[in-house]
PDB file of N, CA and C in Angstrom:
ATOM      1  N   MET A   1      81.857  38.641  57.303  1.00  0.00           N
ATOM      2  CA  MET A   1      82.576  39.988  57.935  1.00  0.00           C
ATOM      3  C   MET A   1      82.673  38.914  59.204  1.00  0.00           C
ATOM      4  N   SER A   2      82.386  38.495  59.945  1.00  0.00           N
ATOM      5  CA  SER A   2      82.877  37.649  61.376  1.00  0.00           C
ATOM      6  C   SER A   2      84.079  37.920  61.193  1.00  0.00           C
ATOM      7  N   PHE A   3      84.654  37.008  60.261  1.00  0.00           N
ATOM      8  CA  PHE A   3      86.047  36.866  59.999  1.00  0.00           C
ATOM      9  C   PHE A   3      87.687  38.849  60.210  1.00  0.00           C
ATOM     10  N   LEU A   4      86.511  39.466  60.384  1.00  0.00           N
ATOM     11  CA  LEU A   4      86.659  41.059  60.272  1.00  0.00           C
ATOM     12  C   LEU A   4      86.459  41.185  61.028  1.00  0.00           C
ATOM     13  N   ASP A   5      85.817  40.911  62.048  1.00  0.00           N
ATOM     14  CA  ASP A   5      85.275  41.288  63.418  1.00  0.00           C
ATOM     15  C   ASP A   5      86.521  40.706  64.115  1.00  0.00           C
ATOM     16  N   ASN A   6      86.502  39.241  63.866  1.00  0.00           N
ATOM     17  CA  ASN A   6      87.667  38.037  64.807  1.00  0.00           C
ATOM     18  C   ASN A   6      89.088  39.048  64.760  1.00  0.00           C
ATOM     19  N   ASP A   7      89.653  39.233  63.438  1.00  0.00           N
ATOM     20  CA  ASP A   7      90.393  40.209  63.131  1.00  0.00           C
ATOM     21  C   ASP A   7      90.636  41.635  64.284  1.00  0.00           C
ATOM     22  N   ASN A   8      89.761  42.278  64.107  1.00  0.00           N
ATOM     23  CA  ASN A   8      89.848  43.297  65.245  1.00  0.00           C
ATOM     24  C   ASN A   8      90.113  43.507  66.128  1.00  0.00           C
ATOM     25  N   GLU A   9      89.030  41.948  66.778  1.00  0.00           N
ATOM     26  CA  GLU A   9      89.267  41.992  68.610  1.00  0.00           C
ATOM     27  C   GLU A   9      90.711  41.769  68.727  1.00  0.00           C
ATOM     28  N   SER A  10      90.842  40.657  67.778  1.00  0.00           N
ATOM     29  CA  SER A  10      92.429  39.633  67.917  1.00  0.00           C
ATOM     30  C   SER A  10      93.177  41.110  68.107  1.00  0.00           C
ATOM     31  N   SER A  11      93.023  42.476  67.427  1.00  0.00           N
ATOM     32  CA  SER A  11      94.506  42.960  67.235  1.00  0.00           C
ATOM     33  C   SER A  11      93.860  43.774  68.137  1.00  0.00           C
ATOM     34  N   SER A  12      92.674  44.275  68.333  1.00  0.00           N
ATOM     35  CA  SER A  12      92.399  44.924  69.526  1.00  0.00           C
ATOM     36  C   SER A  12      93.564  44.097  71.235  1.00  0.00           C
ATOM     37  N   GLN A  13      93.215  43.148  71.356  1.00  0.00           N
ATOM     38  CA  GLN A  13      94.164  42.672  73.017  1.00  0.00           C
ATOM     39  C   GLN A  13      95.165  42.604  72.707  1.00  0.00           C
ATOM     40  N   GLU A  14      95.485  42.692  71.124  1.00  0.00           N
ATOM     41  CA  GLU A  14      97.897  42.862  71.589  1.00  0.00           C
ATOM     42  C   GLU A  14      97.750  43.799  71.573  1.00  0.00           C
ATOM     43  N   LYS A  15      96.979  44.615  71.078  1.00  0.00           N
ATOM     44  CA  LYS A  15      97.060  46.347  72.054  1.00  0.00           C
ATOM     45  C   LYS A  15      97.321  46.523  73.856  1.00  0.00           C
ATOM     46  N   LEU A  16      96.720  46.299  73.289  1.00  0.00           N
ATOM     47  CA  LEU A  16      95.823  46.374  75.479  1.00  0.00           C
ATOM     48  C   LEU A  16      96.839  45.164  76.421  1.00  0.00           C
ATOM     49  N   VAL A  17      97.360  44.267  75.536  1.00  0.00           N
ATOM     50  CA  VAL A  17      98.165  43.981  76.193  1.00  0.00           C
ATOM     51  C   VAL A  17      99.464  43.960  76.048  1.00  0.00           C
ATOM     52  N   ALA A  18      99.652  44.803  75.159  1.00  0.00           N
ATOM     53  CA  ALA A  18     100.771  45.321  74.958  1.00  0.00           C
ATOM     54  C   ALA A  18     101.281  46.391  75.764  1.00  0.00           C
ATOM     55  N   ARG A  19      99.829  47.409  76.065  1.00  0.00           N
ATOM     56  CA  ARG A  19      99.995  48.353  76.825  1.00  0.00           C
ATOM     57  C   ARG A  19     100.253  48.464  78.367  1.00  0.00           C
ATOM     58  N   ILE A  20      99.106  46.859  78.627  1.00  0.00           N
ATOM     59  CA  ILE A  20      99.265  46.423  79.916  1.00  0.00           C
ATOM     60  C   ILE A  20     101.092  46.618  80.418  1.00  0.00           C
ATOM     61  N   ASN A  21     101.626  45.286  79.834  1.00  0.00           N
ATOM     62  CA  ASN A  21     102.842  45.101  79.514  1.00  0.00           C
ATOM     63  C   ASN A  21     103.276  46.296  80.063  1.00  0.00           C
ATOM     64  N   GLN A  22     103.502  47.396  79.451  1.00  0.00           N
ATOM     65  CA  GLN A  22     104.251  48.773  79.070  1.00  0.00           C
ATOM     66  C   GLN A  22     104.405  49.334  80.600  1.00  0.00           C
ATOM     67  N   LEU A  23     102.563  49.346  81.293  1.00  0.00           N
ATOM     68  CA  LEU A  23     102.736  49.519  82.211  1.00  0.00           C
ATOM     69  C   LEU A  23     102.920  49.606  83.464  1.00  0.00           C
ATOM     70  N   GLU A  24     103.224  47.696  83.503  1.00  0.00           N
ATOM     71  CA  GLU A  24     103.582  46.584  84.357  1.00  0.00           C
ATOM     72  C   GLU A  24     104.689  47.390  84.946  1.00  0.00           C
ATOM     73  N   SER A  25     105.538  47.797  83.355  1.00  0.00           N
ATOM     74  CA  SER A  25     107.200  48.064  83.724  1.00  0.00           C
ATOM     75  C   SER A  25     107.431  49.316  84.337  1.00  0.00           C
ATOM     76  N   GLU A  26     106.668  50.211  83.827  1.00  0.00           N
ATOM     77  CA  GLU A  26     106.773  51.557  84.407  1.00  0.00           C
ATOM     78  C   GLU A  26     106.167  51.534  85.744  1.00  0.00           C
ATOM     79  N   ILE A  27     105.629  50.871  86.533  1.00  0.00           N
ATOM     80  CA  ILE A  27     105.380  50.811  87.708  1.00  0.00           C
ATOM     81  C   ILE A  27     106.185  50.622  88.439  1.00  0.00           C
ATOM     82  N   SER A  28     106.652  49.180  87.752  1.00  0.00           N
ATOM     83  CA  SER A  28     107.885  48.223  88.633  1.00  0.00           C
ATOM     84  C   SER A  28     109.475  49.177  88.357  1.00  0.00           C
ATOM     85  N   LYS A  29     109.139  49.953  87.925  1.00  0.00           N
ATOM     86  CA  LYS A  29     110.229  51.248  87.183  1.00  0.00           C
ATOM     87  C   LYS A  29     110.324  52.160  89.157  1.00  0.00           C
ATOM     88  N   LEU A  30     108.852  52.779  89.052  1.00  0.00           N
ATOM     89  CA  LEU A  30     108.568  53.123  89.770  1.00  0.00           C
ATOM     90  C   LEU A  30     108.733  53.252  91.222  1.00  0.00           C
ATOM     91  N   LYS A  31     108.080  51.995  91.066  1.00  0.00           N
ATOM     92  CA  LYS A  31     108.833  51.091  92.643  1.00  0.00           C
ATOM     93  C   LYS A  31     109.603  51.381  93.134  1.00  0.00           C
ATOM     94  N   GLU A  32     111.201  50.794  92.343  1.00  0.00           N
ATOM     95  CA  GLU A  32     112.319  50.983  92.739  1.00  0.00           C
ATOM     96  C   GLU A  32     113.084  52.061  92.758  1.00  0.00           C
ATOM     97  N   SER A  33     112.659  53.255  91.908  1.00  0.00           N
ATOM     98  CA  SER A  33     113.094  54.611  92.912  1.00  0.00           C
ATOM     99  C   SER A  33     112.126  55.256  93.870  1.00  0.00           C
ATOM    100  N   LEU A  34     111.927  54.396  94.343  1.00  0.00           N
ATOM    101  CA  LEU A  34     110.886  54.524  96.037  1.00  0.00           C
ATOM    102  C   LEU A  34     111.685  53.873  96.422  1.00  0.00           C
ATOM    103  N   GLN A  35     112.353  53.098  96.250  1.00  0.00           N
ATOM    104  CA  GLN A  35     112.721  51.141  97.186  1.00  0.00           C
ATOM    105  C   GLN A  35     113.977  52.653  97.434  1.00  0.00           C
ATOM    106  N   LEU A  36     114.839  53.571  96.392  1.00  0.00           N
ATOM    107  CA  LEU A  36     115.601  53.712  96.459  1.00  0.00           C
ATOM    108  C   LEU A  36     115.595  55.822  96.793  1.00  0.00           C
ATOM    109  N   GLY A  37     114.597  55.873  97.245  1.00  0.00           N
ATOM    110  CA  GLY A  37     114.935  57.204  97.773  1.00  0.00           C
ATOM    111  C   GLY A  37     114.346  57.146  99.180  1.00  0.00           C
ATOM    112  N   LYS A  38     113.895  55.627  99.495  1.00  0.00           N
ATOM    113  CA  LYS A  38     113.799  54.963 100.846  1.00  0.00           C
ATOM    114  C   LYS A  38     115.560  54.901 101.102  1.00  0.00           C
ATOM    115  N   LEU A  39     116.094  54.734 100.753  1.00  0.00           N
ATOM    116  CA  LEU A  39     118.068  53.997 100.978  1.00  0.00           C
ATOM    117  C   LEU A  39     118.450  55.040 101.371  1.00  0.00           C
ATOM    118  N   ARG A  40     118.292  56.408 100.137  1.00  0.00           N
ATOM    119  CA  ARG A  40     119.172  56.989 100.338  1.00  0.00           C
ATOM    120  C   ARG A  40     118.902  58.163 102.015  1.00  0.00           C
ATOM    121  N   GLU A  41     117.780  58.367 102.744  1.00  0.00           N
ATOM    122  CA  GLU A  41     117.514  58.937 103.402  1.00  0.00           C
ATOM    123  C   GLU A  41     117.450  57.509 104.631  1.00  0.00           C
ATOM    124  N   GLN A  42     118.578  57.116 104.374  1.00  0.00           N
ATOM    125  CA  GLN A  42     118.818  55.801 105.554  1.00  0.00           C
ATOM    126  C   GLN A  42     119.928  56.898 106.389  1.00  0.00           C
ATOM    127  N   TYR A  43     120.642  55.858 107.696  1.00  0.00           N
ATOM    128  CA  TYR A  43     121.639  56.694 108.059  1.00  0.00           C
ATOM    129  C   TYR A  43     122.714  55.171 107.917  1.00  0.00           C
ATOM    130  N   LEU A  44     124.187  55.083 107.904  1.00  0.00           N
ATOM    131  CA  LEU A  44     124.867  54.240 108.236  1.00  0.00           C
ATOM    132  C   LEU A  44     126.198  54.238 109.608  1.00  0.00           C
ATOM    133  N   ASP A  45     125.971  53.539 110.126  1.00  0.00           N
ATOM    134  CA  ASP A  45     126.958  53.099 111.529  1.00  0.00           C
ATOM    135  C   ASP A  45     128.627  53.273 110.403  1.00  0.00           C
ATOM    136  N   LEU A  46     129.892  53.932 110.903  1.00  0.00           N
ATOM    137  CA  LEU A  46     131.405  54.356 110.379  1.00  0.00           C
ATOM    138  C   LEU A  46     131.143  52.967 109.351  1.00  0.00           C
ATOM    139  N   LYS A  47     131.539  51.590 110.349  1.00  0.00           N
ATOM    140  CA  LYS A  47     131.309  50.441 108.840  1.00  0.00           C
ATOM    141  C   LYS A  47     130.967  50.073 108.211  1.00  0.00           C
ATOM    142  N   GLY A  48     129.125  50.250 108.501  1.00  0.00           N
ATOM    143  CA  GLY A  48     128.896  49.918 106.814  1.00  0.00           C
ATOM    144  C   GLY A  48     128.905  50.826 106.221  1.00  0.00           C
ATOM    145  N   ALA A  49     128.988  52.924 106.921  1.00  0.00           N
ATOM    146  CA  ALA A  49     129.617  53.654 105.835  1.00  0.00           C
ATOM    147  C   ALA A  49     131.259  53.588 104.533  1.00  0.00           C
ATOM    148  N   SER A  50     131.674  52.647 105.617  1.00  0.00           N
ATOM    149  CA  SER A  50     133.542  52.807 105.658  1.00  0.00           C
ATOM    150  C   SER A  50     133.024  50.729 104.453  1.00  0.00           C
ATOM    151  N   ASN A  51     132.689  50.793 103.695  1.00  0.00           N
ATOM    152  CA  ASN A  51     131.506  49.448 102.978  1.00  0.00           C
ATOM    153  C   ASN A  51     131.510  50.636 101.977  1.00  0.00           C
ATOM    154  N   TYR A  52     130.380  50.405 102.158  1.00  0.00           N
ATOM    155  CA  TYR A  52     129.818  51.511 100.734  1.00  0.00           C
ATOM    156  C   TYR A  52     130.491  52.705 100.524  1.00  0.00           C
ATOM    157  N   LEU A  53     131.861  52.592 100.482  1.00  0.00           N
ATOM    158  CA  LEU A  53     132.502  53.675 100.158  1.00  0.00           C
ATOM    159  C   LEU A  53     134.525  53.266  99.854  1.00  0.00           C
ATOM    160  N   GLY A  54     133.848  51.761 100.271  1.00  0.00           N
ATOM    161  CA  GLY A  54     134.733  50.778  99.005  1.00  0.00           C
ATOM    162  C   GLY A  54     137.172  51.181 100.492  1.00  0.00           C
ATOM    163  N   VAL A  55     136.603  52.298 101.466  1.00  0.00           N
ATOM    164  CA  VAL A  55     137.576  52.531 102.600  1.00  0.00           C
ATOM    165  C   VAL A  55     137.404  51.754 103.906  1.00  0.00           C
ATOM    166  N   SER A  56     138.230  51.836 104.056  1.00  0.00           N
ATOM    167  CA  SER A  56     138.792  51.183 105.431  1.00  0.00           C
ATOM    168  C   SER A  56     138.286  52.178 106.978  1.00  0.00           C
ATOM    169  N   PRO A  57     137.407  51.755 107.897  1.00  0.00           N
ATOM    170  CA  PRO A  57     136.594  52.781 109.056  1.00  0.00           C
ATOM    171  C   PRO A  57     137.728  53.487 109.351  1.00  0.00           C
ATOM    172  N   ARG A  58     138.903  53.362 109.483  1.00  0.00           N
ATOM    173  CA  ARG A  58     140.118  53.901 109.873  1.00  0.00           C
ATOM    174  C   ARG A  58     140.376  55.550 108.266  1.00  0.00           C
ATOM    175  N   SER A  59     139.954  55.136 107.114  1.00  0.00           N
ATOM    176  CA  SER A  59     139.898  55.861 106.213  1.00  0.00           C
ATOM    177  C   SER A  59     138.786  56.897 106.053  1.00  0.00           C
ATOM    178  N   LEU A  60     138.350  56.968 106.798  1.00  0.00           N
ATOM    179  CA  LEU A  60     136.291  56.971 106.520  1.00  0.00           C
ATOM    180  C   LEU A  60     136.193  58.184 108.168  1.00  0.00           C
ATOM    181  N   PHE A  61     136.711  57.873 109.002  1.00  0.00           N
ATOM    182  CA  PHE A  61     136.881  58.613 109.749  1.00  0.00           C
ATOM    183  C   PHE A  61     138.045  59.866 109.503  1.00  0.00           C
ATOM    184  N   ARG A  62     139.045  59.809 108.855  1.00  0.00           N
ATOM    185  CA  ARG A  62     140.069  60.985 109.124  1.00  0.00           C
ATOM    186  C   ARG A  62     139.647  61.522 107.696  1.00  0.00           C
ATOM    187  N   ILE A  63     137.927  61.652 107.099  1.00  0.00           N
ATOM    188  CA  ILE A  63     137.458  62.102 106.140  1.00  0.00           C
ATOM    189  C   ILE A  63     136.692  62.565 106.585  1.00  0.00           C
ATOM    190  N   MET A  64     135.828  61.758 107.625  1.00  0.00           N
ATOM    191  CA  MET A  64     135.244  62.928 108.749  1.00  0.00           C
ATOM    192  C   MET A  64     135.660  64.934 109.418  1.00  0.00           C
ATOM    193  N   ILE A  65     136.850  63.403 110.064  1.00  0.00           N
ATOM    194  CA  ILE A  65     136.959  64.647 110.861  1.00  0.00           C
ATOM    195  C   ILE A  65     138.091  66.056 110.057  1.00  0.00           C
ATOM    196  N   GLU A  66     138.567  65.320 108.944  1.00  0.00           N
ATOM    197  CA  GLU A  66     139.449  66.242 107.887  1.00  0.00           C
ATOM    198  C   GLU A  66     137.679  67.320 107.280  1.00  0.00           C
ATOM    199  N   GLY A  67     136.633  67.349 107.917  1.00  0.00           N
ATOM    200  CA  GLY A  67     135.529  67.942 107.033  1.00  0.00           C
ATOM    201  C   GLY A  67     135.052  67.636 106.183  1.00  0.00           C
ATOM    202  N   GLU A  68     135.380  66.705 104.770  1.00  0.00           N
ATOM    203  CA  GLU A  68     135.121  66.560 103.673  1.00  0.00           C
ATOM    204  C   GLU A  68     133.871  65.373 103.828  1.00  0.00           C
ATOM    205  N   LEU A  69     133.291  64.967 104.802  1.00  0.00           N
ATOM    206  CA  LEU A  69     131.741  64.146 105.128  1.00  0.00           C
ATOM    207  C   LEU A  69     131.218  64.876 106.512  1.00  0.00           C
ATOM    208  N   SER A  70     129.818  64.854 106.191  1.00  0.00           N
ATOM    209  CA  SER A  70     128.617  65.477 106.783  1.00  0.00           C
ATOM    210  C   SER A  70     128.537  63.622 108.305  1.00  0.00           C
ATOM    211  N   TYR A  71     127.738  64.071 109.097  1.00  0.00           N
ATOM    212  CA  TYR A  71     128.159  63.044 109.516  1.00  0.00           C
ATOM    213  C   TYR A  71     127.181  63.807 111.105  1.00  0.00           C
ATOM    214  N   THR A  72     126.045  62.722 111.241  1.00  0.00           N
ATOM    215  CA  THR A  72     125.365  62.703 112.639  1.00  0.00           C
ATOM    216  C   THR A  72     125.103  62.444 113.995  1.00  0.00           C
ATOM    217  N   ILE A  73     125.770  62.235 114.369  1.00  0.00           N
ATOM    218  CA  ILE A  73     125.553  61.923 116.584  1.00  0.00           C
ATOM    219  C   ILE A  73     124.497  61.303 116.356  1.00  0.00           C
ATOM    220  N   ILE A  74     124.019  60.301 116.860  1.00  0.00           N
ATOM    221  CA  ILE A  74     122.607  59.565 117.597  1.00  0.00           C
ATOM    222  C   ILE A  74     123.557  59.276 118.476  1.00  0.00           C
ATOM    223  N   GLY A  75     123.227  59.663 120.263  1.00  0.00           N
ATOM    224  CA  GLY A  75     123.656  59.788 120.831  1.00  0.00           C
ATOM    225  C   GLY A  75     124.897  59.151 121.005  1.00  0.00           C
ATOM    226  N   ARG A  76     126.555  58.267 120.917  1.00  0.00           N
ATOM    227  CA  ARG A  76     127.819  58.468 121.339  1.00  0.00           C
ATOM    228  C   ARG A  76     128.048  57.718 119.900  1.00  0.00           C
ATOM    229  N   ARG A  77     127.159  57.483 118.915  1.00  0.00           N
ATOM    230  CA  ARG A  77     127.894  56.745 117.455  1.00  0.00           C
ATOM    231  C   ARG A  77     127.523  58.047 116.402  1.00  0.00           C
ATOM    232  N   LYS A  78     128.398  57.887 115.036  1.00  0.00           N
ATOM    233  CA  LYS A  78     128.494  58.684 113.896  1.00  0.00           C
ATOM    234  C   LYS A  78     127.426  57.689 113.103  1.00  0.00           C
ATOM    235  N   LYS A  79     126.547  58.723 112.392  1.00  0.00           N
ATOM    236  CA  LYS A  79     126.307  57.853 111.662  1.00  0.00           C
ATOM    237  C   LYS A  79     125.877  58.926 110.368  1.00  0.00           C
ATOM    238  N   ILE A  80     125.889  57.966 109.104  1.00  0.00           N
ATOM    239  CA  ILE A  80     125.986  58.956 108.280  1.00  0.00           C
ATOM    240  C   ILE A  80     124.722  58.401 107.318  1.00  0.00           C
ATOM    241  N   LEU A  81     124.565  59.909 106.810  1.00  0.00           N
ATOM    242  CA  LEU A  81     123.167  59.945 105.547  1.00  0.00           C
ATOM    243  C   LEU A  81     123.754  58.722 103.990  1.00  0.00           C
ATOM    244  N   VAL A  82     122.991  57.668 103.438  1.00  0.00           N
ATOM    245  CA  VAL A  82     123.847  57.756 102.324  1.00  0.00           C
ATOM    246  C   VAL A  82     123.681  58.420 101.246  1.00  0.00           C
ATOM    247  N   SER A  83     122.175  59.059 101.346  1.00  0.00           N
ATOM    248  CA  SER A  83     122.248  60.237 100.356  1.00  0.00           C
ATOM    249  C   SER A  83     124.005  61.399 100.573  1.00  0.00           C
ATOM    250  N   GLU A  84     124.358  61.678 102.418  1.00  0.00           N
ATOM    251  CA  GLU A  84     125.673  62.587 101.978  1.00  0.00           C
ATOM    252  C   GLU A  84     126.704  61.466 101.470  1.00  0.00           C
ATOM    253  N   LEU A  85     127.096  60.098 101.480  1.00  0.00           N
ATOM    254  CA  LEU A  85     128.073  59.445 100.854  1.00  0.00           C
ATOM    255  C   LEU A  85     127.750  59.268  99.689  1.00  0.00           C
ATOM    256  N   GLU A  86     126.277  59.423  98.865  1.00  0.00           N
ATOM    257  CA  GLU A  86     126.455  59.658  97.429  1.00  0.00           C
ATOM    258  C   GLU A  86     126.905  61.102  97.160  1.00  0.00           C
ATOM    259  N   GLU A  87     126.497  62.442  97.631  1.00  0.00           N
ATOM    260  CA  GLU A  87     127.113  63.612  97.267  1.00  0.00           C
ATOM    261  C   GLU A  87     128.732  63.708  96.975  1.00  0.00           C
ATOM    262  N   TYR A  88     128.910  62.673  98.351  1.00  0.00           N
ATOM    263  CA  TYR A  88     130.234  62.814  99.016  1.00  0.00           C
ATOM    264  C   TYR A  88     131.636  62.435  97.613  1.00  0.00           C
ATOM    265  N   ILE A  89     130.892  61.124  96.852  1.00  0.00           N
ATOM    266  CA  ILE A  89     131.275  60.526  95.847  1.00  0.00           C
ATOM    267  C   ILE A  89     131.215  61.154  94.419  1.00  0.00           C
ATOM    268  N   ASP A  90     130.255  61.680  94.444  1.00  0.00           N
ATOM    269  CA  ASP A  90     129.778  62.663  93.261  1.00  0.00           C
ATOM    270  C   ASP A  90     130.976  64.420  93.402  1.00  0.00           C
ATOM    271  N   LYS A  91     131.340  63.977  94.301  1.00  0.00           N
ATOM    272  CA  LYS A  91     132.415  65.339  94.285  1.00  0.00           C
ATOM    273  C   LYS A  91     133.611  65.143  93.973  1.00  0.00           C
ATOM    274  N   ARG A  92     133.705  63.791  93.619  1.00  0.00           N
ATOM    275  CA  ARG A  92     135.120  63.523  93.589  1.00  0.00           C
ATOM    276  C   ARG A  92     135.240  62.164  92.486  1.00  0.00           C
ATOM    277  N   LYS A  93     134.284  63.361  91.679  1.00  0.00           N
ATOM    278  CA  LYS A  93     134.036  61.835  90.005  1.00  0.00           C
ATOM    279  C   LYS A  93     135.479  62.862  89.327  1.00  0.00           C
ATOM    280  N   THR A  94     136.030  62.265  88.760  1.00  0.00           N
ATOM    281  CA  THR A  94     136.751  63.118  87.313  1.00  0.00           C
ATOM    282  C   THR A  94     136.662  62.936  86.235  1.00  0.00           C
ATOM    283  N   ALA A  95     136.030  63.432  85.313  1.00  0.00           N
ATOM    284  CA  ALA A  95     135.461  63.263  83.517  1.00  0.00           C
ATOM    285  C   ALA A  95     136.553  62.567  82.897  1.00  0.00           C
ATOM    286  N   ALA A  96     136.367  61.473  82.232  1.00  0.00           N
ATOM    287  CA  ALA A  96     136.380  60.864  81.527  1.00  0.00           C
ATOM    288  C   ALA A  96     137.548  61.313  80.241  1.00  0.00           C
ATOM    289  N   LEU A  97     138.666  60.873  80.332  1.00  0.00           N
ATOM    290  CA  LEU A  97     139.735  61.832  79.368  1.00  0.00           C
ATOM    291  C   LEU A  97     139.483  61.552  77.804  1.00  0.00           C
ATOM    292  N   GLY A  98     139.807  62.219  77.009  1.00  0.00           N
ATOM    293  CA  GLY A  98     139.758  62.289  75.688  1.00  0.00           C
ATOM    294  C   GLY A  98     140.782  60.840  75.250  1.00  0.00           C
ATOM    295  N   SER A  99     140.261  60.670  74.381  1.00  0.00           N
ATOM    296  CA  SER A  99     141.628  59.232  73.709  1.00  0.00           C
ATOM    297  C   SER A  99     142.830  59.607  73.472  1.00  0.00           C
ATOM    298  N   ILE A 100     143.534  58.667  74.159  1.00  0.00           N
ATOM    299  CA  ILE A 100     145.389  58.683  74.583  1.00  0.00           C
ATOM    300  C   ILE A 100     145.641  59.281  72.497  1.00  0.00           C
ATOM    301  N   LEU A 101     145.104  58.864  71.882  1.00  0.00           N
ATOM    302  CA  LEU A 101     145.309  58.530  70.419  1.00  0.00           C
ATOM    303  C   LEU A 101     144.999  59.855  69.368  1.00  0.00           C
TER     304      LEU A 101
END
């Protein structure tokens, strides 16, 4: 009987280790999502925002003046929330076309 007991114990230990690994993975994903949430609420200056979008600062300024992208004036500087940049990107996305065949 002791052999069977050892088998059951090792099986239980393997299940426990697998569950711990799964929980660690889920915790890691939660930490990443929390960091992303903090990033979304950070302000970028015009240079940082233009780098984020991949456009020149002049193009970004034109987009802001045309009212396509909202911004906040802090002191004498214009700042843009990362979440606003993401919303702007989402608005400009186009759907993938079907097959050309």
